[in-house]
Amino acid sequence: MADDDFEDWDDNPDWSDYPAKPLDAAGQLLTARARLGLSQKEMASLLGISIGTLRNWEQRRTDPDGPGKALISLIYRHPEEICTWLSVA
């Protein structure tokens, strides 16, 4: 290939207009846990669930029920506030 074949190639496209698929519960849980810097054991303890349940959710082997999804959504959108609130409650 000649060098001029790559002249119009954009190696850093603007993805802001790309219609990204919303994160599912597993993606939200993984993101929130990473933002908080918690281990699986710490996050499971914070949520009041077993580490096995957390792993199943993160690895998409099982789906959380309605209240579980609501809690994951809250901790994803407001990780520091929910973490503080759950630690005190």
N, C-alpha and C. Protein backbone atom coordinates (compact mmCIF):
# COMPACT_ATOMS: atom_id res chain seq x y z
N MET A 1 0.84 -1.17 0.00
CA MET A 1 0.00 0.00 0.00
C MET A 1 0.89 1.24 0.00
N ALA A 2 0.44 2.21 -0.70
CA ALA A 2 1.18 3.47 -0.76
C ALA A 2 0.78 4.36 0.41
N ASP A 3 1.68 5.27 0.80
CA ASP A 3 1.41 6.18 1.91
C ASP A 3 0.19 7.05 1.66
N ASP A 4 -0.06 7.41 0.41
CA ASP A 4 -1.19 8.29 0.12
C ASP A 4 -2.53 7.56 0.26
N ASP A 5 -2.53 6.23 0.42
CA ASP A 5 -3.77 5.49 0.65
C ASP A 5 -4.34 5.80 2.03
N PHE A 6 -3.52 6.29 2.93
CA PHE A 6 -3.95 6.56 4.30
C PHE A 6 -4.19 8.04 4.59
N GLU A 7 -4.07 8.89 3.59
CA GLU A 7 -4.21 10.33 3.80
C GLU A 7 -5.55 10.72 4.42
N ASP A 8 -6.62 10.13 3.96
CA ASP A 8 -7.96 10.50 4.43
C ASP A 8 -8.45 9.63 5.58
N TRP A 9 -7.60 8.77 6.06
CA TRP A 9 -7.99 7.85 7.12
C TRP A 9 -7.90 8.55 8.47
N ASP A 10 -8.97 8.53 9.22
CA ASP A 10 -9.01 9.17 10.53
C ASP A 10 -8.75 8.12 11.60
N ASP A 11 -7.61 8.18 12.25
CA ASP A 11 -7.27 7.18 13.26
C ASP A 11 -7.80 7.56 14.65
N ASN A 12 -8.50 8.69 14.75
CA ASN A 12 -9.10 9.11 16.01
C ASN A 12 -10.48 9.71 15.74
N PRO A 13 -11.44 8.85 15.35
CA PRO A 13 -12.75 9.39 14.99
C PRO A 13 -13.51 9.94 16.20
N ASP A 14 -14.44 10.83 15.93
CA ASP A 14 -15.31 11.38 16.96
C ASP A 14 -16.45 10.40 17.18
N TRP A 15 -16.49 9.76 18.35
CA TRP A 15 -17.52 8.76 18.64
C TRP A 15 -18.70 9.36 19.40
N SER A 16 -18.70 10.66 19.63
CA SER A 16 -19.76 11.27 20.44
C SER A 16 -21.15 11.13 19.81
N ASP A 17 -21.23 11.02 18.50
CA ASP A 17 -22.52 10.86 17.84
C ASP A 17 -22.90 9.39 17.62
N TYR A 18 -22.02 8.49 18.03
CA TYR A 18 -22.29 7.06 17.84
C TYR A 18 -23.34 6.60 18.85
N PRO A 19 -24.40 5.96 18.36
CA PRO A 19 -25.47 5.53 19.29
C PRO A 19 -25.03 4.32 20.11
N ALA A 20 -24.42 4.58 21.24
CA ALA A 20 -23.92 3.50 22.09
C ALA A 20 -25.07 2.79 22.80
N LYS A 21 -24.93 1.51 22.93
CA LYS A 21 -25.92 0.70 23.65
C LYS A 21 -25.77 0.97 25.14
N PRO A 22 -26.89 1.20 25.84
CA PRO A 22 -26.79 1.46 27.28
C PRO A 22 -26.22 0.24 28.02
N LEU A 23 -25.53 0.52 29.11
CA LEU A 23 -24.97 -0.57 29.91
C LEU A 23 -26.08 -1.38 30.57
N ASP A 24 -25.90 -2.68 30.58
CA ASP A 24 -26.83 -3.54 31.32
C ASP A 24 -26.40 -3.54 32.79
N ALA A 25 -27.11 -4.29 33.62
CA ALA A 25 -26.83 -4.31 35.06
C ALA A 25 -25.39 -4.76 35.34
N ALA A 26 -24.90 -5.74 34.60
CA ALA A 26 -23.53 -6.22 34.81
C ALA A 26 -22.53 -5.12 34.49
N GLY A 27 -22.72 -4.42 33.40
CA GLY A 27 -21.82 -3.33 33.03
C GLY A 27 -21.85 -2.20 34.03
N GLN A 28 -23.04 -1.87 34.52
CA GLN A 28 -23.17 -0.83 35.53
C GLN A 28 -22.48 -1.24 36.83
N LEU A 29 -22.66 -2.50 37.21
CA LEU A 29 -22.06 -3.01 38.44
C LEU A 29 -20.53 -2.99 38.36
N LEU A 30 -19.99 -3.46 37.25
CA LEU A 30 -18.54 -3.46 37.06
C LEU A 30 -17.98 -2.04 37.05
N THR A 31 -18.68 -1.13 36.39
CA THR A 31 -18.23 0.25 36.32
C THR A 31 -18.24 0.91 37.69
N ALA A 32 -19.34 0.72 38.42
CA ALA A 32 -19.45 1.31 39.76
C ALA A 32 -18.38 0.74 40.69
N ARG A 33 -18.15 -0.55 40.62
CA ARG A 33 -17.15 -1.17 41.49
C ARG A 33 -15.75 -0.63 41.18
N ALA A 34 -15.47 -0.45 39.88
CA ALA A 34 -14.17 0.10 39.48
C ALA A 34 -14.03 1.55 39.94
N ARG A 35 -15.08 2.34 39.79
CA ARG A 35 -15.03 3.75 40.20
C ARG A 35 -14.81 3.88 41.70
N LEU A 36 -15.37 2.96 42.46
CA LEU A 36 -15.21 2.99 43.91
C LEU A 36 -13.93 2.32 44.39
N GLY A 37 -13.28 1.57 43.49
CA GLY A 37 -12.05 0.87 43.84
C GLY A 37 -12.27 -0.27 44.82
N LEU A 38 -13.42 -0.94 44.70
CA LEU A 38 -13.76 -2.03 45.62
C LEU A 38 -13.47 -3.39 45.01
N SER A 39 -13.10 -4.33 45.84
CA SER A 39 -12.96 -5.71 45.41
C SER A 39 -14.37 -6.32 45.29
N GLN A 40 -14.45 -7.50 44.69
CA GLN A 40 -15.75 -8.18 44.62
C GLN A 40 -16.29 -8.45 46.02
N LYS A 41 -15.40 -8.85 46.92
CA LYS A 41 -15.83 -9.14 48.29
C LYS A 41 -16.37 -7.89 48.97
N GLU A 42 -15.69 -6.77 48.80
CA GLU A 42 -16.14 -5.51 49.40
C GLU A 42 -17.48 -5.04 48.82
N MET A 43 -17.62 -5.16 47.50
CA MET A 43 -18.87 -4.73 46.86
C MET A 43 -20.02 -5.63 47.28
N ALA A 44 -19.78 -6.93 47.35
CA ALA A 44 -20.82 -7.86 47.79
C ALA A 44 -21.27 -7.53 49.21
N SER A 45 -20.31 -7.24 50.07
CA SER A 45 -20.63 -6.88 51.45
C SER A 45 -21.43 -5.58 51.50
N LEU A 46 -21.03 -4.60 50.70
CA LEU A 46 -21.73 -3.32 50.65
C LEU A 46 -23.17 -3.50 50.20
N LEU A 47 -23.40 -4.37 49.21
CA LEU A 47 -24.75 -4.59 48.68
C LEU A 47 -25.55 -5.58 49.52
N GLY A 48 -24.90 -6.28 50.45
CA GLY A 48 -25.60 -7.25 51.29
C GLY A 48 -25.94 -8.53 50.55
N ILE A 49 -25.06 -8.93 49.63
CA ILE A 49 -25.27 -10.16 48.86
C ILE A 49 -24.02 -11.03 48.98
N SER A 50 -24.14 -12.28 48.58
CA SER A 50 -22.98 -13.17 48.62
C SER A 50 -22.04 -12.83 47.46
N ILE A 51 -20.77 -13.17 47.65
CA ILE A 51 -19.79 -12.92 46.59
C ILE A 51 -20.13 -13.75 45.35
N GLY A 52 -20.70 -14.94 45.56
CA GLY A 52 -21.12 -15.76 44.42
C GLY A 52 -22.20 -15.09 43.59
N THR A 53 -23.15 -14.46 44.26
CA THR A 53 -24.21 -13.73 43.55
C THR A 53 -23.61 -12.58 42.76
N LEU A 54 -22.70 -11.83 43.39
CA LEU A 54 -22.05 -10.72 42.69
C LEU A 54 -21.31 -11.21 41.46
N ARG A 55 -20.56 -12.29 41.60
CA ARG A 55 -19.81 -12.84 40.46
C ARG A 55 -20.76 -13.28 39.35
N ASN A 56 -21.85 -13.92 39.72
CA ASN A 56 -22.83 -14.35 38.72
C ASN A 56 -23.41 -13.17 37.97
N TRP A 57 -23.70 -12.10 38.69
CA TRP A 57 -24.24 -10.89 38.05
C TRP A 57 -23.20 -10.27 37.12
N GLU A 58 -21.96 -10.11 37.62
CA GLU A 58 -20.91 -9.48 36.81
C GLU A 58 -20.57 -10.29 35.57
N GLN A 59 -20.65 -11.60 35.68
CA GLN A 59 -20.31 -12.46 34.55
C GLN A 59 -21.53 -12.82 33.70
N ARG A 60 -22.66 -12.19 34.02
CA ARG A 60 -23.91 -12.33 33.27
C ARG A 60 -24.44 -13.78 33.24
N ARG A 61 -24.10 -14.54 34.27
CA ARG A 61 -24.65 -15.90 34.38
C ARG A 61 -26.09 -15.84 34.88
N THR A 62 -26.35 -14.86 35.76
CA THR A 62 -27.72 -14.63 36.23
C THR A 62 -27.98 -13.13 36.20
N ASP A 63 -29.25 -12.77 36.19
CA ASP A 63 -29.67 -11.37 36.22
C ASP A 63 -30.20 -11.04 37.60
N PRO A 64 -29.87 -9.85 38.10
CA PRO A 64 -30.47 -9.44 39.37
C PRO A 64 -31.97 -9.24 39.21
N ASP A 65 -32.70 -9.39 40.31
CA ASP A 65 -34.14 -9.14 40.27
C ASP A 65 -34.39 -7.63 40.25
N GLY A 66 -35.64 -7.23 40.29
CA GLY A 66 -36.01 -5.82 40.21
C GLY A 66 -35.32 -4.93 41.23
N PRO A 67 -35.42 -5.26 42.54
CA PRO A 67 -34.74 -4.43 43.54
C PRO A 67 -33.22 -4.42 43.37
N GLY A 68 -32.65 -5.54 42.97
CA GLY A 68 -31.21 -5.60 42.71
C GLY A 68 -30.80 -4.69 41.57
N LYS A 69 -31.59 -4.70 40.49
CA LYS A 69 -31.31 -3.82 39.36
C LYS A 69 -31.44 -2.36 39.75
N ALA A 70 -32.43 -2.05 40.58
CA ALA A 70 -32.61 -0.66 41.03
C ALA A 70 -31.42 -0.20 41.85
N LEU A 71 -30.93 -1.06 42.76
CA LEU A 71 -29.78 -0.71 43.58
C LEU A 71 -28.53 -0.54 42.73
N ILE A 72 -28.34 -1.43 41.77
CA ILE A 72 -27.18 -1.33 40.87
C ILE A 72 -27.25 -0.03 40.08
N SER A 73 -28.42 0.32 39.59
CA SER A 73 -28.59 1.56 38.83
C SER A 73 -28.26 2.78 39.70
N LEU A 74 -28.71 2.76 40.94
CA LEU A 74 -28.42 3.88 41.85
C LEU A 74 -26.93 3.99 42.15
N ILE A 75 -26.29 2.86 42.42
CA ILE A 75 -24.87 2.90 42.76
C ILE A 75 -24.03 3.24 41.53
N TYR A 76 -24.54 2.93 40.35
CA TYR A 76 -23.85 3.31 39.11
C TYR A 76 -23.93 4.82 38.89
N ARG A 77 -25.11 5.40 39.13
CA ARG A 77 -25.31 6.83 38.89
C ARG A 77 -24.75 7.71 40.00
N HIS A 78 -24.73 7.20 41.24
CA HIS A 78 -24.28 7.98 42.39
C HIS A 78 -23.40 7.12 43.31
N PRO A 79 -22.27 6.66 42.81
CA PRO A 79 -21.48 5.68 43.57
C PRO A 79 -21.02 6.15 44.95
N GLU A 80 -20.46 7.34 45.03
CA GLU A 80 -19.94 7.81 46.32
C GLU A 80 -21.05 8.01 47.34
N GLU A 81 -22.16 8.63 46.90
CA GLU A 81 -23.27 8.91 47.81
C GLU A 81 -23.91 7.61 48.33
N ILE A 82 -24.16 6.68 47.42
CA ILE A 82 -24.80 5.41 47.80
C ILE A 82 -23.85 4.60 48.68
N CYS A 83 -22.57 4.60 48.33
CA CYS A 83 -21.58 3.87 49.14
C CYS A 83 -21.56 4.40 50.57
N THR A 84 -21.57 5.71 50.71
CA THR A 84 -21.60 6.33 52.04
C THR A 84 -22.88 5.98 52.76
N TRP A 85 -24.01 6.10 52.08
CA TRP A 85 -25.31 5.83 52.68
C TRP A 85 -25.40 4.36 53.12
N LEU A 86 -24.97 3.42 52.26
CA LEU A 86 -25.04 2.01 52.60
C LEU A 86 -24.09 1.64 53.75
N SER A 87 -22.97 2.31 53.83
CA SER A 87 -22.01 2.04 54.89
C SER A 87 -22.53 2.49 56.25
N VAL A 88 -23.37 3.53 56.25
CA VAL A 88 -23.92 4.08 57.48
C VAL A 88 -25.17 3.34 57.89
N ALA A 89 -25.99 2.93 56.89
CA ALA A 89 -27.29 2.31 57.16
C ALA A 89 -27.15 0.98 57.87
